[in-house]
Amino acid sequence: MYKYILDVAGGINWMALFALMTFLFVFVTSIILVFRKNNDHINHMASLPLEEDQN
């Protein structure tokens, strides 16, 4: 059925469709990973350049 729908849509390049699906997968995965990060870790990494050396 999907093949029929894409065939009727006319001239959809399979490489363009594959590139779009790959982009969407990477984008959605990165968004999920960003929102699952621990806020304490993010705040620690953000303040690293501002901390005094302990040596």
N, C-alpha and C. Protein backbone atom coordinates (compact mmCIF):
# COMPACT_ATOMS: atom_id res chain seq x y z
N MET A 1 0.81 -1.18 0.00
CA MET A 1 0.00 0.00 0.00
C MET A 1 0.86 1.26 0.00
N TYR A 2 1.92 1.28 0.84
CA TYR A 2 2.79 2.45 0.88
C TYR A 2 3.47 2.69 -0.47
N LYS A 3 3.85 1.59 -1.11
CA LYS A 3 4.48 1.72 -2.42
C LYS A 3 3.50 2.34 -3.42
N TYR A 4 2.26 1.93 -3.35
CA TYR A 4 1.24 2.48 -4.24
C TYR A 4 1.02 3.97 -3.97
N ILE A 5 0.95 4.35 -2.70
CA ILE A 5 0.73 5.76 -2.34
C ILE A 5 1.90 6.61 -2.83
N LEU A 6 3.13 6.13 -2.60
CA LEU A 6 4.30 6.90 -3.03
C LEU A 6 4.41 6.93 -4.55
N ASP A 7 3.97 5.86 -5.21
CA ASP A 7 4.02 5.82 -6.66
C ASP A 7 2.99 6.78 -7.26
N VAL A 8 1.83 6.87 -6.66
CA VAL A 8 0.79 7.76 -7.14
C VAL A 8 1.17 9.22 -6.88
N ALA A 9 1.90 9.47 -5.78
CA ALA A 9 2.31 10.84 -5.45
C ALA A 9 3.20 11.42 -6.55
N GLY A 10 3.88 10.57 -7.27
CA GLY A 10 4.61 11.01 -8.45
C GLY A 10 6.02 11.45 -8.20
N GLY A 11 6.95 10.73 -8.75
CA GLY A 11 8.35 11.14 -8.82
C GLY A 11 9.06 11.35 -7.49
N ILE A 12 8.67 10.64 -6.46
CA ILE A 12 9.39 10.79 -5.20
C ILE A 12 10.69 10.00 -5.30
N ASN A 13 11.76 10.69 -5.09
CA ASN A 13 13.07 10.05 -5.17
C ASN A 13 13.30 9.25 -3.89
N TRP A 14 13.65 7.98 -4.02
CA TRP A 14 13.85 7.11 -2.86
C TRP A 14 15.03 7.56 -2.01
N MET A 15 16.05 8.12 -2.64
CA MET A 15 17.20 8.61 -1.86
C MET A 15 16.80 9.82 -1.02
N ALA A 16 15.97 10.68 -1.54
CA ALA A 16 15.49 11.84 -0.79
C ALA A 16 14.61 11.39 0.37
N LEU A 17 13.80 10.40 0.14
CA LEU A 17 12.95 9.87 1.20
C LEU A 17 13.78 9.22 2.29
N PHE A 18 14.80 8.49 1.91
CA PHE A 18 15.70 7.86 2.88
C PHE A 18 16.45 8.92 3.68
N ALA A 19 16.91 9.97 3.03
CA ALA A 19 17.61 11.06 3.72
C ALA A 19 16.67 11.77 4.70
N LEU A 20 15.44 11.99 4.31
CA LEU A 20 14.46 12.62 5.19
C LEU A 20 14.19 11.76 6.42
N MET A 21 13.99 10.48 6.21
CA MET A 21 13.74 9.56 7.34
C MET A 21 14.94 9.49 8.27
N THR A 22 16.14 9.47 7.72
CA THR A 22 17.35 9.45 8.54
C THR A 22 17.46 10.73 9.36
N PHE A 23 17.22 11.86 8.74
CA PHE A 23 17.26 13.14 9.44
C PHE A 23 16.25 13.18 10.58
N LEU A 24 15.03 12.75 10.30
CA LEU A 24 13.99 12.77 11.33
C LEU A 24 14.34 11.85 12.49
N PHE A 25 14.91 10.68 12.19
CA PHE A 25 15.30 9.75 13.24
C PHE A 25 16.38 10.37 14.13
N VAL A 26 17.40 10.97 13.52
CA VAL A 26 18.49 11.57 14.29
C VAL A 26 17.97 12.77 15.09
N PHE A 27 17.12 13.59 14.50
CA PHE A 27 16.59 14.77 15.17
C PHE A 27 15.74 14.38 16.38
N VAL A 28 14.82 13.44 16.20
CA VAL A 28 13.94 13.03 17.29
C VAL A 28 14.75 12.35 18.39
N THR A 29 15.73 11.53 18.02
CA THR A 29 16.58 10.87 19.01
C THR A 29 17.37 11.89 19.82
N SER A 30 17.92 12.90 19.16
CA SER A 30 18.68 13.91 19.88
C SER A 30 17.79 14.74 20.81
N ILE A 31 16.58 15.05 20.39
CA ILE A 31 15.66 15.78 21.25
C ILE A 31 15.31 14.95 22.48
N ILE A 32 15.07 13.67 22.30
CA ILE A 32 14.75 12.80 23.44
C ILE A 32 15.94 12.73 24.40
N LEU A 33 17.14 12.61 23.88
CA LEU A 33 18.33 12.53 24.74
C LEU A 33 18.57 13.83 25.49
N VAL A 34 18.32 14.95 24.86
CA VAL A 34 18.51 16.24 25.52
C VAL A 34 17.55 16.40 26.70
N PHE A 35 16.31 16.02 26.51
CA PHE A 35 15.34 16.18 27.58
C PHE A 35 15.48 15.14 28.68
N ARG A 36 16.19 14.05 28.42
CA ARG A 36 16.40 13.03 29.44
C ARG A 36 17.66 13.28 30.26
N LYS A 37 18.48 14.25 29.87
CA LYS A 37 19.72 14.54 30.59
C LYS A 37 19.43 15.02 32.00
N ASN A 38 20.35 14.72 32.89
CA ASN A 38 20.24 15.14 34.27
C ASN A 38 20.60 16.62 34.38
N ASN A 39 19.75 17.41 35.00
CA ASN A 39 19.98 18.86 35.11
C ASN A 39 21.21 19.17 35.95
N ASP A 40 21.51 18.37 36.97
CA ASP A 40 22.71 18.60 37.78
C ASP A 40 23.97 18.48 36.93
N HIS A 41 23.99 17.50 36.06
CA HIS A 41 25.15 17.30 35.17
C HIS A 41 25.30 18.49 34.22
N ILE A 42 24.20 18.96 33.68
CA ILE A 42 24.25 20.09 32.75
C ILE A 42 24.75 21.35 33.46
N ASN A 43 24.26 21.60 34.67
CA ASN A 43 24.70 22.78 35.42
C ASN A 43 26.17 22.67 35.80
N HIS A 44 26.63 21.49 36.16
CA HIS A 44 28.04 21.29 36.48
C HIS A 44 28.92 21.58 35.27
N MET A 45 28.54 21.04 34.12
CA MET A 45 29.32 21.26 32.90
C MET A 45 29.28 22.73 32.47
N ALA A 46 28.18 23.42 32.71
CA ALA A 46 28.06 24.83 32.33
C ALA A 46 28.95 25.71 33.19
N SER A 47 29.16 25.33 34.45
CA SER A 47 29.94 26.17 35.34
C SER A 47 31.42 25.80 35.38
N LEU A 48 31.84 24.79 34.66
CA LEU A 48 33.25 24.37 34.69
C LEU A 48 34.22 25.48 34.32
N PRO A 49 34.01 26.23 33.26
CA PRO A 49 34.99 27.26 32.91
C PRO A 49 35.07 28.38 33.94
N LEU A 50 34.07 28.53 34.78
CA LEU A 50 34.02 29.63 35.73
C LEU A 50 34.58 29.27 37.11
N GLU A 51 34.79 28.00 37.37
CA GLU A 51 35.27 27.58 38.69
C GLU A 51 36.76 27.87 38.84
N GLU A 52 37.16 28.11 40.06
CA GLU A 52 38.58 28.31 40.38
C GLU A 52 39.29 26.97 40.37
N ASP A 53 40.58 26.98 40.04
CA ASP A 53 41.38 25.76 40.09
C ASP A 53 41.57 25.31 41.51
N GLN A 54 41.51 24.03 41.75
CA GLN A 54 41.67 23.46 43.08
C GLN A 54 43.12 23.04 43.36
N ASN A 55 44.01 23.22 42.41
CA ASN A 55 45.42 22.77 42.58
C ASN A 55 46.17 23.65 43.49
